[in-house]
Amino acid sequence: MLKLSRFIRRLKRLDNLYSSIFNLVIKLIKQKIPLSQVEDFMIDTFSIPVCDNIRANRCKLAPGLKFRGYIASKRRYYHGLKLHIVVSDKRYIVEFEVTEASKNDVIGLYLLPLNLEGKILYGDRAYNDYFAEDVLKECDNVKLEVIKKKNSKRFDYYKQRLVAYFRKTVETAGSILTTNFPKKIHAVTLDGFIRKIYYFVLSFNINYLIKLTYN
């Protein structure tokens, strides 16, 4: 068995191949589940703390206020990163991006390629951006449906119920993914920390492919 240091060095060599491996896994999943069978996609953001709040001021791994984020659902701050994921209604991760915790969720929406081939993308109220809706519909033929306030010009009661229903899929996938994270992700550098997040996402899709193959 390889020693930990040797394993980490070999893992770093895979950085240039990561995108190819991730795309290959997605391609194999699509062979099992054609895109014609996928009706909708969901987007959501999950917080990934780098350290405890009490240590935020002296955190060397992620220094600065740009890593200071807020979890509205839990009404608390944290210090770390945000993981933006796009999940299909079949519950596998199609695209993802990692940003600093202070970045708005809409920033993740702009950073993702969103190659969804004319499908509907559901999101929560954090992705309420009229400009993004118009651009996605006009340029990529992707319809962005998000939870809106009642006083919004584009508010539709029945669509809001539909969005709330479909969002359960991405919440379930994100919960399974983050549950597999260790209590503490050990890393010496921020790049190493992000690299491990990438491989957790990859392992999530590999596990999905294995279950899809043998079930």
N, C-alpha and C. Protein backbone atom coordinates (compact mmCIF):
# COMPACT_ATOMS: atom_id res chain seq x y z
N MET A 1 0.84 -1.20 0.00
CA MET A 1 0.00 0.00 0.00
C MET A 1 0.88 1.25 0.00
N LEU A 2 0.45 2.25 -0.76
CA LEU A 2 1.20 3.49 -0.84
C LEU A 2 1.14 4.26 0.48
N LYS A 3 2.22 4.94 0.79
CA LYS A 3 2.20 5.85 1.93
C LYS A 3 1.37 7.08 1.57
N LEU A 4 0.92 7.80 2.58
CA LEU A 4 0.04 8.94 2.35
C LEU A 4 0.70 10.00 1.48
N SER A 5 1.96 10.30 1.74
CA SER A 5 2.65 11.34 0.97
C SER A 5 2.78 10.95 -0.50
N ARG A 6 3.08 9.67 -0.75
CA ARG A 6 3.19 9.19 -2.13
C ARG A 6 1.83 9.22 -2.82
N PHE A 7 0.79 8.85 -2.09
CA PHE A 7 -0.56 8.88 -2.65
C PHE A 7 -0.97 10.30 -3.03
N ILE A 8 -0.65 11.29 -2.17
CA ILE A 8 -1.00 12.68 -2.45
C ILE A 8 -0.26 13.19 -3.68
N ARG A 9 1.01 12.80 -3.81
CA ARG A 9 1.78 13.25 -4.98
C ARG A 9 1.20 12.68 -6.27
N ARG A 10 0.77 11.44 -6.23
CA ARG A 10 0.16 10.84 -7.42
C ARG A 10 -1.20 11.46 -7.71
N LEU A 11 -1.89 11.82 -6.64
CA LEU A 11 -3.19 12.45 -6.82
C LEU A 11 -3.05 13.79 -7.51
N LYS A 12 -1.99 14.53 -7.18
CA LYS A 12 -1.75 15.84 -7.79
C LYS A 12 -1.50 15.70 -9.29
N ARG A 13 -0.88 14.58 -9.69
CA ARG A 13 -0.61 14.38 -11.11
C ARG A 13 -1.88 14.22 -11.93
N LEU A 14 -2.99 13.89 -11.26
CA LEU A 14 -4.25 13.69 -11.97
C LEU A 14 -5.00 14.99 -12.22
N ASP A 15 -4.47 16.12 -11.72
CA ASP A 15 -5.17 17.39 -11.85
C ASP A 15 -5.48 17.72 -13.30
N ASN A 16 -4.52 17.48 -14.18
CA ASN A 16 -4.72 17.80 -15.60
C ASN A 16 -5.71 16.85 -16.27
N LEU A 17 -5.93 15.68 -15.65
CA LEU A 17 -6.83 14.70 -16.23
C LEU A 17 -8.20 14.70 -15.58
N TYR A 18 -8.37 15.52 -14.52
CA TYR A 18 -9.62 15.45 -13.76
C TYR A 18 -10.84 15.73 -14.64
N SER A 19 -10.79 16.80 -15.43
CA SER A 19 -11.93 17.16 -16.28
C SER A 19 -12.27 16.03 -17.24
N SER A 20 -11.24 15.38 -17.78
CA SER A 20 -11.47 14.28 -18.73
C SER A 20 -12.13 13.10 -18.02
N ILE A 21 -11.67 12.81 -16.80
CA ILE A 21 -12.25 11.69 -16.04
C ILE A 21 -13.70 12.00 -15.67
N PHE A 22 -13.95 13.22 -15.21
CA PHE A 22 -15.31 13.61 -14.84
C PHE A 22 -16.25 13.54 -16.03
N ASN A 23 -15.81 14.05 -17.18
CA ASN A 23 -16.64 14.02 -18.39
C ASN A 23 -16.86 12.59 -18.88
N LEU A 24 -15.85 11.74 -18.69
CA LEU A 24 -15.99 10.33 -19.09
C LEU A 24 -17.05 9.64 -18.25
N VAL A 25 -17.05 9.90 -16.95
CA VAL A 25 -18.06 9.30 -16.06
C VAL A 25 -19.46 9.78 -16.45
N ILE A 26 -19.59 11.09 -16.74
CA ILE A 26 -20.88 11.63 -17.18
C ILE A 26 -21.32 10.97 -18.49
N LYS A 27 -20.37 10.77 -19.39
CA LYS A 27 -20.68 10.13 -20.67
C LYS A 27 -21.18 8.70 -20.47
N LEU A 28 -20.55 7.97 -19.54
CA LEU A 28 -20.97 6.59 -19.25
C LEU A 28 -22.35 6.56 -18.61
N ILE A 29 -22.63 7.54 -17.76
CA ILE A 29 -23.96 7.63 -17.15
C ILE A 29 -25.01 7.91 -18.22
N LYS A 30 -24.68 8.79 -19.16
CA LYS A 30 -25.63 9.14 -20.22
C LYS A 30 -25.88 7.96 -21.15
N GLN A 31 -24.93 7.04 -21.24
CA GLN A 31 -25.17 5.83 -22.02
C GLN A 31 -26.22 4.95 -21.37
N LYS A 32 -26.24 4.99 -20.04
CA LYS A 32 -27.24 4.22 -19.29
C LYS A 32 -28.57 4.98 -19.23
N ILE A 33 -28.47 6.30 -19.05
CA ILE A 33 -29.66 7.14 -18.99
C ILE A 33 -29.53 8.22 -20.06
N PRO A 34 -30.11 8.03 -21.24
CA PRO A 34 -30.01 9.05 -22.30
C PRO A 34 -30.59 10.39 -21.85
N LEU A 35 -30.07 11.45 -22.43
CA LEU A 35 -30.52 12.79 -22.06
C LEU A 35 -32.00 12.99 -22.36
N SER A 36 -32.52 12.21 -23.30
CA SER A 36 -33.94 12.32 -23.63
C SER A 36 -34.83 11.88 -22.46
N GLN A 37 -34.27 11.06 -21.57
CA GLN A 37 -35.01 10.61 -20.39
C GLN A 37 -34.89 11.58 -19.22
N VAL A 38 -33.95 12.53 -19.33
CA VAL A 38 -33.78 13.54 -18.29
C VAL A 38 -34.64 14.75 -18.64
N GLU A 39 -35.56 15.09 -17.78
CA GLU A 39 -36.50 16.16 -18.09
C GLU A 39 -36.07 17.50 -17.51
N ASP A 40 -35.52 17.49 -16.30
CA ASP A 40 -35.23 18.75 -15.62
C ASP A 40 -33.89 18.68 -14.88
N PHE A 41 -33.38 19.88 -14.55
CA PHE A 41 -32.16 19.99 -13.77
C PHE A 41 -32.40 20.96 -12.60
N MET A 42 -31.66 20.77 -11.54
CA MET A 42 -31.78 21.61 -10.36
C MET A 42 -30.41 22.15 -9.97
N ILE A 43 -30.38 23.38 -9.46
CA ILE A 43 -29.13 23.99 -9.03
C ILE A 43 -29.26 24.41 -7.57
N ASP A 44 -28.19 24.24 -6.81
CA ASP A 44 -28.20 24.66 -5.41
C ASP A 44 -26.77 24.89 -4.94
N THR A 45 -26.64 25.53 -3.78
CA THR A 45 -25.34 25.85 -3.20
C THR A 45 -25.24 25.23 -1.82
N PHE A 46 -24.06 24.69 -1.51
CA PHE A 46 -23.83 24.08 -0.21
C PHE A 46 -22.56 24.66 0.41
N SER A 47 -22.66 24.95 1.69
CA SER A 47 -21.53 25.55 2.40
C SER A 47 -20.53 24.49 2.82
N ILE A 48 -19.24 24.82 2.69
CA ILE A 48 -18.17 23.92 3.10
C ILE A 48 -17.23 24.69 4.02
N PRO A 49 -17.38 24.57 5.33
CA PRO A 49 -16.50 25.29 6.26
C PRO A 49 -15.06 24.79 6.17
N VAL A 50 -14.13 25.71 6.23
CA VAL A 50 -12.71 25.37 6.26
C VAL A 50 -12.21 25.24 7.69
N CYS A 51 -12.78 26.06 8.58
CA CYS A 51 -12.42 26.01 9.99
C CYS A 51 -13.60 26.48 10.82
N ASP A 52 -13.50 26.35 12.14
CA ASP A 52 -14.54 26.83 13.03
C ASP A 52 -14.56 28.36 13.04
N ASN A 53 -15.71 28.92 13.35
CA ASN A 53 -15.85 30.38 13.37
C ASN A 53 -14.86 31.05 14.33
N ILE A 54 -14.60 30.40 15.44
CA ILE A 54 -13.73 31.00 16.44
C ILE A 54 -12.29 31.13 15.96
N ARG A 55 -11.93 30.34 14.94
CA ARG A 55 -10.57 30.36 14.40
C ARG A 55 -10.49 31.13 13.08
N ALA A 56 -11.57 31.77 12.66
CA ALA A 56 -11.61 32.43 11.35
C ALA A 56 -10.56 33.53 11.22
N ASN A 57 -10.32 34.28 12.28
CA ASN A 57 -9.39 35.41 12.20
C ASN A 57 -7.94 34.97 12.02
N ARG A 58 -7.62 33.75 12.42
CA ARG A 58 -6.24 33.27 12.30
C ARG A 58 -6.13 32.05 11.38
N CYS A 59 -7.12 31.88 10.51
CA CYS A 59 -7.10 30.77 9.56
C CYS A 59 -6.10 31.06 8.45
N LYS A 60 -5.07 30.23 8.33
CA LYS A 60 -4.04 30.41 7.31
C LYS A 60 -4.43 29.76 5.97
N LEU A 61 -5.32 28.78 6.05
CA LEU A 61 -5.71 28.07 4.83
C LEU A 61 -6.58 28.95 3.93
N ALA A 62 -7.48 29.73 4.55
CA ALA A 62 -8.37 30.61 3.79
C ALA A 62 -8.47 31.94 4.51
N PRO A 63 -7.45 32.80 4.38
CA PRO A 63 -7.46 34.07 5.11
C PRO A 63 -8.29 35.14 4.40
N GLY A 64 -8.92 36.00 5.18
CA GLY A 64 -9.64 37.13 4.59
C GLY A 64 -11.15 37.01 4.70
N LEU A 65 -11.80 38.16 4.57
CA LEU A 65 -13.25 38.23 4.69
C LEU A 65 -13.97 37.63 3.48
N LYS A 66 -13.26 37.43 2.37
CA LYS A 66 -13.92 36.86 1.19
C LYS A 66 -14.35 35.42 1.41
N PHE A 67 -13.81 34.79 2.46
CA PHE A 67 -14.20 33.42 2.78
C PHE A 67 -15.27 33.37 3.88
N ARG A 68 -15.78 34.55 4.25
CA ARG A 68 -16.80 34.65 5.28
C ARG A 68 -18.17 34.59 4.62
N GLY A 69 -18.95 33.55 4.93
CA GLY A 69 -20.26 33.37 4.33
C GLY A 69 -21.37 33.29 5.35
N TYR A 70 -22.59 33.31 4.84
CA TYR A 70 -23.77 33.28 5.71
C TYR A 70 -24.75 32.24 5.21
N ILE A 71 -25.22 31.39 6.12
CA ILE A 71 -26.21 30.36 5.78
C ILE A 71 -27.57 30.88 6.24
N ALA A 72 -28.39 31.32 5.31
CA ALA A 72 -29.66 31.95 5.66
C ALA A 72 -30.60 30.97 6.35
N SER A 73 -30.63 29.72 5.89
CA SER A 73 -31.57 28.74 6.45
C SER A 73 -31.25 28.42 7.92
N LYS A 74 -29.95 28.50 8.28
CA LYS A 74 -29.54 28.21 9.65
C LYS A 74 -29.26 29.48 10.45
N ARG A 75 -29.30 30.63 9.75
CA ARG A 75 -29.08 31.93 10.39
C ARG A 75 -27.74 31.98 11.14
N ARG A 76 -26.71 31.60 10.44
CA ARG A 76 -25.39 31.64 11.07
C ARG A 76 -24.31 31.84 10.00
N TYR A 77 -23.18 32.38 10.46
CA TYR A 77 -22.04 32.61 9.59
C TYR A 77 -21.10 31.40 9.62
N TYR A 78 -20.29 31.30 8.58
CA TYR A 78 -19.26 30.26 8.55
C TYR A 78 -18.08 30.78 7.75
N HIS A 79 -16.95 30.11 7.85
CA HIS A 79 -15.73 30.53 7.18
C HIS A 79 -15.28 29.40 6.26
N GLY A 80 -15.31 29.67 4.95
CA GLY A 80 -14.93 28.61 4.03
C GLY A 80 -15.30 28.87 2.59
N LEU A 81 -15.91 27.87 1.95
CA LEU A 81 -16.19 27.90 0.52
C LEU A 81 -17.65 27.58 0.25
N LYS A 82 -18.05 27.80 -1.01
CA LYS A 82 -19.37 27.41 -1.49
C LYS A 82 -19.22 26.42 -2.62
N LEU A 83 -20.02 25.38 -2.58
CA LEU A 83 -20.05 24.40 -3.67
C LEU A 83 -21.36 24.56 -4.42
N HIS A 84 -21.28 24.95 -5.68
CA HIS A 84 -22.46 25.11 -6.54
C HIS A 84 -22.58 23.86 -7.41
N ILE A 85 -23.70 23.17 -7.34
CA ILE A 85 -23.87 21.95 -8.14
C ILE A 85 -25.16 22.00 -8.95
N VAL A 86 -25.10 21.40 -10.12
CA VAL A 86 -26.28 21.20 -10.96
C VAL A 86 -26.54 19.70 -11.02
N VAL A 87 -27.74 19.31 -10.62
CA VAL A 87 -28.10 17.90 -10.53
C VAL A 87 -29.27 17.61 -11.48
N SER A 88 -29.23 16.47 -12.14
CA SER A 88 -30.34 16.07 -13.00
C SER A 88 -31.45 15.48 -12.15
N ASP A 89 -32.62 15.31 -12.74
CA ASP A 89 -33.72 14.72 -11.98
C ASP A 89 -33.48 13.24 -11.70
N LYS A 90 -32.41 12.68 -12.27
CA LYS A 90 -32.01 11.29 -11.98
C LYS A 90 -31.01 11.23 -10.83
N ARG A 91 -30.66 12.41 -10.28
CA ARG A 91 -29.85 12.55 -9.07
C ARG A 91 -28.37 12.23 -9.27
N TYR A 92 -27.80 12.65 -10.38
CA TYR A 92 -26.35 12.65 -10.53
C TYR A 92 -25.90 14.07 -10.86
N ILE A 93 -24.67 14.40 -10.48
CA ILE A 93 -24.16 15.76 -10.62
C ILE A 93 -23.66 15.97 -12.05
N VAL A 94 -24.20 16.97 -12.71
CA VAL A 94 -23.85 17.26 -14.10
C VAL A 94 -22.71 18.28 -14.17
N GLU A 95 -22.81 19.33 -13.39
CA GLU A 95 -21.80 20.39 -13.36
C GLU A 95 -21.63 20.89 -11.93
N PHE A 96 -20.47 21.47 -11.65
CA PHE A 96 -20.25 22.05 -10.32
C PHE A 96 -19.16 23.11 -10.38
N GLU A 97 -19.14 23.95 -9.37
CA GLU A 97 -18.15 25.03 -9.27
C GLU A 97 -17.93 25.33 -7.79
N VAL A 98 -16.71 25.74 -7.44
CA VAL A 98 -16.37 26.10 -6.07
C VAL A 98 -15.96 27.57 -6.04
N THR A 99 -16.56 28.34 -5.11
CA THR A 99 -16.23 29.76 -4.96
C THR A 99 -16.00 30.07 -3.48
N GLU A 100 -15.51 31.30 -3.23
CA GLU A 100 -15.39 31.75 -1.85
C GLU A 100 -16.79 31.91 -1.25
N ALA A 101 -16.86 31.79 0.06
CA ALA A 101 -18.16 31.81 0.74
C ALA A 101 -18.88 33.14 0.60
N SER A 102 -18.14 34.23 0.42
CA SER A 102 -18.77 35.55 0.34
C SER A 102 -19.43 35.80 -1.01
N LYS A 103 -19.12 34.97 -2.01
CA LYS A 103 -19.69 35.17 -3.34
C LYS A 103 -21.18 34.88 -3.33
N ASN A 104 -21.93 35.71 -4.06
CA ASN A 104 -23.36 35.50 -4.19
C ASN A 104 -23.63 34.23 -4.99
N ASP A 105 -24.75 33.56 -4.69
CA ASP A 105 -25.09 32.33 -5.41
C ASP A 105 -25.23 32.56 -6.91
N VAL A 106 -25.66 33.75 -7.29
CA VAL A 106 -25.82 34.07 -8.71
C VAL A 106 -24.48 34.03 -9.44
N ILE A 107 -23.39 34.35 -8.72
CA ILE A 107 -22.05 34.28 -9.32
C ILE A 107 -21.75 32.86 -9.78
N GLY A 108 -22.12 31.89 -8.96
CA GLY A 108 -21.95 30.49 -9.35
C GLY A 108 -22.76 30.15 -10.58
N LEU A 109 -23.94 30.75 -10.69
CA LEU A 109 -24.79 30.53 -11.87
C LEU A 109 -24.09 31.01 -13.13
N TYR A 110 -23.40 32.16 -13.05
CA TYR A 110 -22.68 32.70 -14.21
C TYR A 110 -21.41 31.92 -14.53
N LEU A 111 -20.79 31.32 -13.52
CA LEU A 111 -19.54 30.58 -13.74
C LEU A 111 -19.76 29.20 -14.35
N LEU A 112 -20.91 28.61 -14.10
CA LEU A 112 -21.20 27.28 -14.63
C LEU A 112 -21.50 27.34 -16.13
N PRO A 113 -21.05 26.35 -16.90
CA PRO A 113 -21.30 26.35 -18.36
C PRO A 113 -22.77 26.15 -18.70
N LEU A 114 -23.50 25.37 -17.89
CA LEU A 114 -24.94 25.12 -18.08
C LEU A 114 -25.26 24.60 -19.48
N ASN A 115 -24.57 23.54 -19.86
CA ASN A 115 -24.85 22.88 -21.14
C ASN A 115 -25.99 21.87 -20.93
N LEU A 116 -27.19 22.37 -20.86
CA LEU A 116 -28.34 21.55 -20.48
C LEU A 116 -29.28 21.24 -21.65
N GLU A 117 -28.92 21.70 -22.83
CA GLU A 117 -29.62 21.35 -24.06
C GLU A 117 -31.12 21.62 -24.00
N GLY A 118 -31.47 22.85 -23.66
CA GLY A 118 -32.87 23.25 -23.74
C GLY A 118 -33.77 22.75 -22.64
N LYS A 119 -33.22 22.29 -21.53
CA LYS A 119 -34.03 21.79 -20.43
C LYS A 119 -34.39 22.92 -19.46
N ILE A 120 -35.19 22.57 -18.44
CA ILE A 120 -35.57 23.53 -17.40
C ILE A 120 -34.61 23.40 -16.22
N LEU A 121 -34.18 24.53 -15.68
CA LEU A 121 -33.28 24.56 -14.53
C LEU A 121 -34.02 25.20 -13.36
N TYR A 122 -34.19 24.45 -12.28
CA TYR A 122 -34.90 24.93 -11.10
C TYR A 122 -33.91 25.38 -10.03
N GLY A 123 -34.24 26.45 -9.31
CA GLY A 123 -33.38 26.95 -8.25
C GLY A 123 -34.18 27.65 -7.18
N ASP A 124 -33.54 27.96 -6.06
CA ASP A 124 -34.23 28.66 -4.99
C ASP A 124 -34.18 30.17 -5.23
N ARG A 125 -34.65 30.94 -4.27
CA ARG A 125 -34.77 32.39 -4.44
C ARG A 125 -33.42 33.09 -4.54
N ALA A 126 -32.33 32.42 -4.16
CA ALA A 126 -31.01 33.02 -4.25
C ALA A 126 -30.59 33.23 -5.71
N TYR A 127 -31.22 32.51 -6.65
CA TYR A 127 -30.88 32.61 -8.07
C TYR A 127 -31.88 33.49 -8.82
N ASN A 128 -32.59 34.33 -8.10
CA ASN A 128 -33.58 35.21 -8.72
C ASN A 128 -32.86 36.36 -9.42
N ASP A 129 -32.64 36.21 -10.71
CA ASP A 129 -31.92 37.20 -11.50
C ASP A 129 -32.57 37.27 -12.88
N TYR A 130 -33.28 38.36 -13.16
CA TYR A 130 -34.00 38.48 -14.43
C TYR A 130 -33.05 38.45 -15.63
N PHE A 131 -31.88 39.08 -15.47
CA PHE A 131 -30.92 39.11 -16.58
C PHE A 131 -30.45 37.70 -16.92
N ALA A 132 -30.14 36.91 -15.89
CA ALA A 132 -29.70 35.52 -16.12
C ALA A 132 -30.81 34.71 -16.77
N GLU A 133 -32.05 34.92 -16.34
CA GLU A 133 -33.18 34.22 -16.95
C GLU A 133 -33.28 34.52 -18.44
N ASP A 134 -33.19 35.80 -18.78
CA ASP A 134 -33.35 36.22 -20.17
C ASP A 134 -32.20 35.71 -21.04
N VAL A 135 -30.96 35.80 -20.52
CA VAL A 135 -29.80 35.37 -21.31
C VAL A 135 -29.82 33.86 -21.53
N LEU A 136 -30.12 33.09 -20.50
CA LEU A 136 -30.16 31.63 -20.64
C LEU A 136 -31.24 31.20 -21.64
N LYS A 137 -32.37 31.88 -21.58
CA LYS A 137 -33.46 31.51 -22.49
C LYS A 137 -33.14 31.88 -23.93
N GLU A 138 -32.52 33.04 -24.12
CA GLU A 138 -32.25 33.53 -25.47
C GLU A 138 -31.04 32.85 -26.10
N CYS A 139 -29.98 32.65 -25.32
CA CYS A 139 -28.72 32.14 -25.88
C CYS A 139 -28.59 30.62 -25.80
N ASP A 140 -29.04 30.02 -24.69
CA ASP A 140 -28.83 28.58 -24.50
C ASP A 140 -30.12 27.77 -24.50
N ASN A 141 -31.25 28.44 -24.69
CA ASN A 141 -32.55 27.77 -24.69
C ASN A 141 -32.79 27.00 -23.39
N VAL A 142 -32.28 27.56 -22.28
CA VAL A 142 -32.47 26.96 -20.96
C VAL A 142 -33.43 27.85 -20.17
N LYS A 143 -34.50 27.26 -19.66
CA LYS A 143 -35.49 28.02 -18.91
C LYS A 143 -35.19 27.95 -17.42
N LEU A 144 -34.85 29.08 -16.83
CA LEU A 144 -34.52 29.16 -15.40
C LEU A 144 -35.79 29.46 -14.61
N GLU A 145 -36.17 28.52 -13.75
CA GLU A 145 -37.34 28.69 -12.90
C GLU A 145 -36.89 28.72 -11.44
N VAL A 146 -37.11 29.85 -10.77
CA VAL A 146 -36.68 29.99 -9.38
C VAL A 146 -37.84 30.45 -8.52
N ILE A 147 -37.67 30.30 -7.21
CA ILE A 147 -38.68 30.78 -6.27
C ILE A 147 -38.62 32.29 -6.20
N LYS A 148 -39.76 32.93 -6.41
CA LYS A 148 -39.83 34.39 -6.44
C LYS A 148 -40.74 34.92 -5.32
N LYS A 149 -40.52 36.18 -4.98
CA LYS A 149 -41.37 36.83 -4.00
C LYS A 149 -42.74 37.11 -4.62
N LYS A 150 -43.74 37.25 -3.76
CA LYS A 150 -45.10 37.47 -4.25
C LYS A 150 -45.26 38.78 -5.00
N ASN A 151 -44.42 39.77 -4.65
CA ASN A 151 -44.52 41.07 -5.34
C ASN A 151 -43.67 41.12 -6.60
N SER A 152 -43.09 40.00 -6.98
CA SER A 152 -42.27 39.95 -8.20
C SER A 152 -43.16 40.06 -9.43
N LYS A 153 -42.63 40.69 -10.48
CA LYS A 153 -43.38 40.85 -11.72
C LYS A 153 -43.60 39.51 -12.43
N ARG A 154 -42.73 38.54 -12.17
CA ARG A 154 -42.83 37.24 -12.84
C ARG A 154 -43.31 36.15 -11.89
N PHE A 155 -43.98 36.54 -10.84
CA PHE A 155 -44.47 35.55 -9.86
C PHE A 155 -45.62 34.75 -10.45
N ASP A 156 -45.53 33.43 -10.27
CA ASP A 156 -46.58 32.52 -10.72
C ASP A 156 -46.76 31.46 -9.62
N TYR A 157 -47.91 31.43 -9.01
CA TYR A 157 -48.14 30.57 -7.84
C TYR A 157 -47.89 29.11 -8.16
N TYR A 158 -48.40 28.63 -9.28
CA TYR A 158 -48.28 27.21 -9.61
C TYR A 158 -46.83 26.84 -9.93
N LYS A 159 -46.10 27.75 -10.55
CA LYS A 159 -44.69 27.49 -10.82
C LYS A 159 -43.88 27.42 -9.53
N GLN A 160 -44.26 28.24 -8.54
CA GLN A 160 -43.55 28.23 -7.27
C GLN A 160 -43.69 26.88 -6.57
N ARG A 161 -44.88 26.31 -6.65
CA ARG A 161 -45.10 24.98 -6.05
C ARG A 161 -44.30 23.92 -6.79
N LEU A 162 -44.19 24.07 -8.10
CA LEU A 162 -43.44 23.13 -8.91
C LEU A 162 -41.94 23.21 -8.60
N VAL A 163 -41.43 24.43 -8.48
CA VAL A 163 -40.01 24.63 -8.16
C VAL A 163 -39.69 24.04 -6.79
N ALA A 164 -40.55 24.30 -5.81
CA ALA A 164 -40.33 23.77 -4.45
C ALA A 164 -40.30 22.25 -4.45
N TYR A 165 -41.13 21.63 -5.31
CA TYR A 165 -41.16 20.16 -5.38
C TYR A 165 -39.87 19.61 -5.98
N PHE A 166 -39.42 20.19 -7.09
CA PHE A 166 -38.25 19.67 -7.78
C PHE A 166 -36.96 19.95 -7.02
N ARG A 167 -36.94 20.98 -6.19
CA ARG A 167 -35.72 21.31 -5.46
C ARG A 167 -35.34 20.23 -4.44
N LYS A 168 -36.29 19.38 -4.08
CA LYS A 168 -35.99 18.31 -3.12
C LYS A 168 -34.93 17.35 -3.68
N THR A 169 -34.88 17.23 -5.01
CA THR A 169 -33.92 16.32 -5.64
C THR A 169 -32.49 16.79 -5.42
N VAL A 170 -32.23 18.06 -5.66
CA VAL A 170 -30.87 18.58 -5.49
C VAL A 170 -30.50 18.64 -4.01
N GLU A 171 -31.46 18.88 -3.15
CA GLU A 171 -31.19 18.89 -1.72
C GLU A 171 -30.80 17.50 -1.23
N THR A 172 -31.46 16.48 -1.77
CA THR A 172 -31.13 15.10 -1.41
C THR A 172 -29.74 14.73 -1.89
N ALA A 173 -29.43 15.06 -3.16
CA ALA A 173 -28.11 14.75 -3.71
C ALA A 173 -27.02 15.49 -2.95
N GLY A 174 -27.24 16.76 -2.65
CA GLY A 174 -26.26 17.54 -1.91
C GLY A 174 -26.06 17.03 -0.50
N SER A 175 -27.14 16.57 0.11
CA SER A 175 -27.05 16.02 1.47
C SER A 175 -26.24 14.74 1.47
N ILE A 176 -26.44 13.88 0.48
CA ILE A 176 -25.67 12.63 0.39
C ILE A 176 -24.20 12.94 0.16
N LEU A 177 -23.93 13.92 -0.71
CA LEU A 177 -22.55 14.29 -1.02
C LEU A 177 -21.83 14.83 0.21
N THR A 178 -22.44 15.81 0.89
CA THR A 178 -21.78 16.43 2.04
C THR A 178 -21.71 15.49 3.24
N THR A 179 -22.63 14.54 3.33
CA THR A 179 -22.57 13.55 4.41
C THR A 179 -21.33 12.67 4.28
N ASN A 180 -20.90 12.44 3.05
CA ASN A 180 -19.70 11.62 2.81
C ASN A 180 -18.41 12.37 3.13
N PHE A 181 -18.50 13.69 3.31
CA PHE A 181 -17.31 14.44 3.71
C PHE A 181 -16.87 14.02 5.11
N PRO A 182 -15.58 13.96 5.36
CA PRO A 182 -15.12 13.69 6.73
C PRO A 182 -15.44 14.87 7.64
N LYS A 183 -15.34 14.65 8.94
CA LYS A 183 -15.61 15.72 9.89
C LYS A 183 -14.68 16.90 9.66
N LYS A 184 -13.45 16.61 9.24
CA LYS A 184 -12.49 17.65 8.92
C LYS A 184 -11.71 17.23 7.69
N ILE A 185 -11.71 18.08 6.66
CA ILE A 185 -10.93 17.82 5.44
C ILE A 185 -9.52 18.36 5.67
N HIS A 186 -8.58 17.47 5.80
CA HIS A 186 -7.20 17.90 6.07
C HIS A 186 -6.52 18.33 4.78
N ALA A 187 -5.94 19.52 4.80
CA ALA A 187 -5.19 20.03 3.66
C ALA A 187 -4.19 21.06 4.14
N VAL A 188 -3.06 21.15 3.46
CA VAL A 188 -2.01 22.11 3.82
C VAL A 188 -2.23 23.42 3.09
N THR A 189 -2.77 23.35 1.87
CA THR A 189 -3.03 24.55 1.07
C THR A 189 -4.49 24.58 0.66
N LEU A 190 -4.95 25.77 0.23
CA LEU A 190 -6.33 25.90 -0.22
C LEU A 190 -6.57 25.10 -1.49
N ASP A 191 -5.56 25.07 -2.37
CA ASP A 191 -5.69 24.28 -3.61
C ASP A 191 -5.89 22.80 -3.28
N GLY A 192 -5.17 22.33 -2.27
CA GLY A 192 -5.32 20.94 -1.85
C GLY A 192 -6.71 20.68 -1.28
N PHE A 193 -7.24 21.64 -0.55
CA PHE A 193 -8.58 21.52 0.02
C PHE A 193 -9.63 21.43 -1.10
N ILE A 194 -9.51 22.34 -2.07
CA ILE A 194 -10.45 22.35 -3.20
C ILE A 194 -10.31 21.08 -4.03
N ARG A 195 -9.08 20.60 -4.18
CA ARG A 195 -8.85 19.38 -4.95
C ARG A 195 -9.61 18.20 -4.33
N LYS A 196 -9.62 18.13 -3.01
CA LYS A 196 -10.32 17.03 -2.35
C LYS A 196 -11.83 17.14 -2.53
N ILE A 197 -12.34 18.37 -2.56
CA ILE A 197 -13.77 18.56 -2.85
C ILE A 197 -14.09 18.04 -4.24
N TYR A 198 -13.23 18.35 -5.20
CA TYR A 198 -13.42 17.87 -6.57
C TYR A 198 -13.53 16.35 -6.61
N TYR A 199 -12.65 15.67 -5.88
CA TYR A 199 -12.64 14.21 -5.92
C TYR A 199 -13.81 13.61 -5.16
N PHE A 200 -14.34 14.32 -4.17
CA PHE A 200 -15.56 13.86 -3.53
C PHE A 200 -16.73 13.90 -4.52
N VAL A 201 -16.79 14.95 -5.33
CA VAL A 201 -17.84 15.06 -6.35
C VAL A 201 -17.68 13.94 -7.38
N LEU A 202 -16.44 13.69 -7.78
CA LEU A 202 -16.17 12.62 -8.75
C LEU A 202 -16.58 11.26 -8.18
N SER A 203 -16.23 11.01 -6.92
CA SER A 203 -16.58 9.73 -6.30
C SER A 203 -18.09 9.56 -6.18
N PHE A 204 -18.80 10.68 -5.97
CA PHE A 204 -20.27 10.63 -5.91
C PHE A 204 -20.82 10.10 -7.23
N ASN A 205 -20.34 10.62 -8.35
CA ASN A 205 -20.83 10.17 -9.66
C ASN A 205 -20.36 8.76 -9.98
N ILE A 206 -19.16 8.39 -9.55
CA ILE A 206 -18.68 7.02 -9.78
C ILE A 206 -19.55 6.02 -9.02
N ASN A 207 -19.88 6.34 -7.77
CA ASN A 207 -20.77 5.47 -6.99
C ASN A 207 -22.14 5.36 -7.65
N TYR A 208 -22.61 6.48 -8.20
CA TYR A 208 -23.89 6.46 -8.90
C TYR A 208 -23.82 5.54 -10.12
N LEU A 209 -22.71 5.65 -10.87
CA LEU A 209 -22.54 4.80 -12.06
C LEU A 209 -22.47 3.32 -11.69
N ILE A 210 -21.78 3.01 -10.61
CA ILE A 210 -21.67 1.60 -10.16
C ILE A 210 -23.05 1.05 -9.80
N LYS A 211 -23.82 1.82 -9.04
CA LYS A 211 -25.17 1.37 -8.67
C LYS A 211 -26.05 1.23 -9.90
N LEU A 212 -25.86 2.13 -10.85
CA LEU A 212 -26.66 2.09 -12.08
C LEU A 212 -26.33 0.86 -12.91
N THR A 213 -25.07 0.44 -12.86
CA THR A 213 -24.60 -0.69 -13.66
C THR A 213 -25.04 -2.03 -13.09
N TYR A 214 -24.98 -2.14 -11.77
CA TYR A 214 -25.19 -3.45 -11.16
C TYR A 214 -26.57 -3.61 -10.52
N ASN A 215 -27.39 -2.58 -10.55
CA ASN A 215 -28.75 -2.72 -10.01
C ASN A 215 -29.75 -3.03 -11.13
